[in-house]
Amino acid sequence: MNLTAAVLGILAAGFLLWGPLFKLKGPIQADASISDSSKLVSIDSNQQAVILRGVVLNETDKDRVENLAAQYAGVRQVDSHLTVKDGETDAAGGHHIVPATRNR
């Protein structure tokens, strides 16, 4: 394998791994319905999932961030570890899997 093919392979693998992060951060930042403090969530990615971590202001922000992540996750699942600032959590204790949806 030549150097150019190796570099392109590494770049392609990196995009597959990190692509959802770059595509997701913009829509979260641009969404006026999400409070500024909730826009500070951590977004990680691996080959199986987009992982959300952090504290959001309210349940509405939590749902919106998770829904945006599902839209941009592609075929990956969304693994949400978001907690609500006022202490509200769902039955799973604040951690649940959000089904991914295809980009439209």
Protein backbone atom coordinates (compact mmCIF):
# COMPACT_ATOMS: atom_id res chain seq x y z
CA MET A 1 0.00 0.00 0.00
CA ASN A 2 1.42 3.38 -0.88
CA LEU A 3 1.61 6.31 1.49
CA THR A 4 -1.25 8.22 -0.17
CA ALA A 5 -3.63 5.26 0.19
CA ALA A 6 -2.60 4.80 3.82
CA VAL A 7 -3.20 8.47 4.62
CA LEU A 8 -6.57 8.43 2.86
CA GLY A 9 -7.52 5.31 4.80
CA ILE A 10 -6.64 6.96 8.10
CA LEU A 11 -8.59 10.10 7.16
CA ALA A 12 -11.63 8.06 6.13
CA ALA A 13 -11.55 6.08 9.39
CA GLY A 14 -11.24 9.33 11.35
CA PHE A 15 -14.21 10.85 9.54
CA LEU A 16 -16.34 7.77 10.22
CA LEU A 17 -15.42 7.96 13.88
CA TRP A 18 -15.53 11.74 14.41
CA GLY A 19 -17.86 12.90 11.62
CA PRO A 20 -21.03 12.87 13.75
CA LEU A 21 -19.36 15.10 16.34
CA PHE A 22 -18.60 17.82 13.82
CA LYS A 23 -22.03 17.53 12.19
CA LEU A 24 -23.83 17.57 15.56
CA LYS A 25 -22.09 20.41 17.41
CA GLY A 26 -23.26 23.04 14.90
CA PRO A 27 -26.98 22.25 15.08
CA ILE A 28 -26.88 22.07 18.89
CA GLN A 29 -25.13 25.47 19.06
CA ALA A 30 -27.51 26.99 16.51
CA ASP A 31 -30.71 25.71 18.12
CA ALA A 32 -32.29 28.68 19.93
CA SER A 33 -34.65 26.37 21.84
CA ILE A 34 -31.71 24.84 23.76
CA SER A 35 -30.43 26.89 26.70
CA ASP A 36 -26.82 28.07 26.52
CA SER A 37 -25.74 25.99 29.51
CA SER A 38 -27.21 22.84 27.92
CA LYS A 39 -25.13 23.43 24.78
CA LEU A 40 -21.99 22.57 26.77
CA VAL A 41 -22.66 18.82 26.72
CA SER A 42 -19.81 16.51 25.81
CA ILE A 43 -20.18 14.56 22.57
CA ASP A 44 -18.00 11.53 21.93
CA SER A 45 -18.19 8.90 19.24
CA ASN A 46 -17.04 5.40 18.53
CA GLN A 47 -17.92 2.96 15.76
CA GLN A 48 -21.12 1.87 17.51
CA ALA A 49 -22.51 5.00 19.14
CA VAL A 50 -22.59 8.72 19.66
CA ILE A 51 -22.20 9.27 23.41
CA LEU A 52 -23.68 12.30 25.18
CA ARG A 53 -22.50 13.32 28.64
CA GLY A 54 -23.13 16.33 30.81
CA VAL A 55 -25.75 18.35 32.61
CA VAL A 56 -28.65 20.03 30.85
CA LEU A 57 -30.95 22.69 32.26
CA ASN A 58 -34.24 20.82 31.92
CA GLU A 59 -35.96 17.78 30.45
CA THR A 60 -36.92 19.73 27.31
CA ASP A 61 -33.25 20.48 26.54
CA LYS A 62 -32.34 16.86 27.24
CA ASP A 63 -34.95 15.60 24.79
CA ARG A 64 -33.91 18.14 22.12
CA VAL A 65 -30.19 17.33 22.36
CA GLU A 66 -30.93 13.59 22.24
CA ASN A 67 -33.23 14.02 19.24
CA LEU A 68 -30.64 16.08 17.36
CA ALA A 69 -28.01 13.46 18.15
CA ALA A 70 -30.29 10.73 16.80
CA GLN A 71 -30.77 12.68 13.57
CA TYR A 72 -27.01 13.07 13.06
CA ALA A 73 -25.88 9.68 14.36
CA GLY A 74 -26.52 7.91 11.07
CA VAL A 75 -26.56 4.19 11.68
CA ARG A 76 -25.04 4.52 15.15
CA GLN A 77 -27.07 4.46 18.30
CA VAL A 78 -27.10 7.40 20.71
CA ASP A 79 -25.94 6.51 24.21
CA SER A 80 -27.20 9.30 26.45
CA HIS A 81 -25.67 9.95 29.87
CA LEU A 82 -27.27 13.40 30.17
CA THR A 83 -28.58 14.49 33.55
CA VAL A 84 -31.02 17.28 34.27
CA LYS A 85 -29.74 20.11 36.47
CA ASP A 86 -32.84 20.24 38.67
CA GLY A 87 -32.42 16.57 39.53
CA GLU A 88 -35.09 15.07 37.28
CA THR A 89 -34.08 11.76 35.76
CA ASP A 90 -35.93 9.15 33.81
CA ALA A 91 -36.63 5.61 35.04
CA ALA A 92 -33.17 4.51 33.81
CA GLY A 93 -31.47 6.96 36.14
CA GLY A 94 -30.60 9.42 33.39
CA HIS A 95 -28.93 6.90 31.07
CA HIS A 96 -30.66 5.44 28.07
CA ILE A 97 -30.19 4.51 24.46
CA VAL A 98 -31.88 6.69 21.85
CA PRO A 99 -32.67 4.99 18.52
CA ALA A 100 -30.69 6.58 15.69
CA THR A 101 -32.50 7.90 12.65
CA ARG A 102 -31.14 8.32 9.17
CA ASN A 103 -30.14 11.81 8.01
CA ARG A 104 -32.76 13.32 5.79
